[in-house]
Amino acid sequence: MGHVKVTQVRSSIGTKPKQRGTLRALGLGRIGKTHVLVDTPELRGQIQKVPHLVEIEEVD
């Protein structure tokens, strides 16, 4: 399995509590914070919940 680098690019202020929880589950919480995670269907589902707040990159 590959990896993806997830970076928070927008603030979670004003978002719904579930979306803030999803950011915390991804290991984020601040603008500019980055986390490298294993690319799984579960991870892709989490990213789909907050696409307007994060940026993703494929990592080898």
Protein backbone atom coordinates (compact mmCIF):
# COMPACT_ATOMS: atom_id res chain seq x y z
CA MET A 1 0.00 0.00 0.00
CA GLY A 2 1.11 3.52 -0.72
CA HIS A 3 1.12 6.52 1.54
CA VAL A 4 -0.52 9.92 1.33
CA LYS A 5 0.61 13.19 2.85
CA VAL A 6 -2.36 15.09 4.29
CA THR A 7 -1.91 18.80 5.05
CA GLN A 8 -4.47 21.07 6.69
CA VAL A 9 -4.83 24.21 4.58
CA ARG A 10 -7.93 25.86 6.09
CA SER A 11 -9.07 26.54 9.63
CA SER A 12 -11.62 24.33 11.34
CA ILE A 13 -13.28 27.37 12.96
CA GLY A 14 -16.92 27.45 11.96
CA THR A 15 -17.01 23.83 10.83
CA LYS A 16 -19.24 21.15 12.28
CA PRO A 17 -18.02 19.15 15.30
CA LYS A 18 -17.88 15.94 13.22
CA GLN A 19 -15.53 17.61 10.74
CA ARG A 20 -13.27 18.82 13.57
CA GLY A 21 -13.25 15.26 14.92
CA THR A 22 -12.26 13.94 11.50
CA LEU A 23 -9.33 16.37 11.38
CA ARG A 24 -8.19 15.17 14.81
CA ALA A 25 -8.50 11.54 13.65
CA LEU A 26 -6.25 12.40 10.68
CA GLY A 27 -3.66 13.77 13.12
CA LEU A 28 -4.28 17.40 12.18
CA GLY A 29 -5.53 20.39 14.12
CA ARG A 30 -3.62 23.43 12.91
CA ILE A 31 -3.19 25.10 9.55
CA GLY A 32 0.03 23.86 7.94
CA LYS A 33 0.23 20.66 9.97
CA THR A 34 1.12 17.62 7.85
CA HIS A 35 0.74 13.92 8.51
CA VAL A 36 1.85 10.96 6.36
CA LEU A 37 -0.65 8.08 6.51
CA VAL A 38 -1.12 4.68 4.88
CA ASP A 39 -3.50 4.95 1.92
CA THR A 40 -6.55 2.83 2.81
CA PRO A 41 -10.23 3.02 1.82
CA GLU A 42 -11.02 4.16 5.38
CA LEU A 43 -8.55 7.03 5.09
CA ARG A 44 -9.99 8.06 1.72
CA GLY A 45 -13.44 8.14 3.31
CA GLN A 46 -12.21 10.42 6.08
CA ILE A 47 -10.59 12.75 3.55
CA GLN A 48 -13.87 12.90 1.59
CA LYS A 49 -15.55 14.33 4.70
CA VAL A 50 -13.20 17.34 4.83
CA PRO A 51 -11.91 17.97 1.28
CA HIS A 52 -12.30 21.74 1.65
CA LEU A 53 -9.94 21.80 4.67
CA VAL A 54 -7.11 19.52 3.54
CA GLU A 55 -4.73 18.97 0.65
CA ILE A 56 -3.41 15.50 -0.20
CA GLU A 57 -0.30 14.31 -2.03
CA GLU A 58 0.72 10.81 -3.06
CA VAL A 59 4.00 9.72 -1.43
CA ASP A 60 6.18 6.77 -2.49
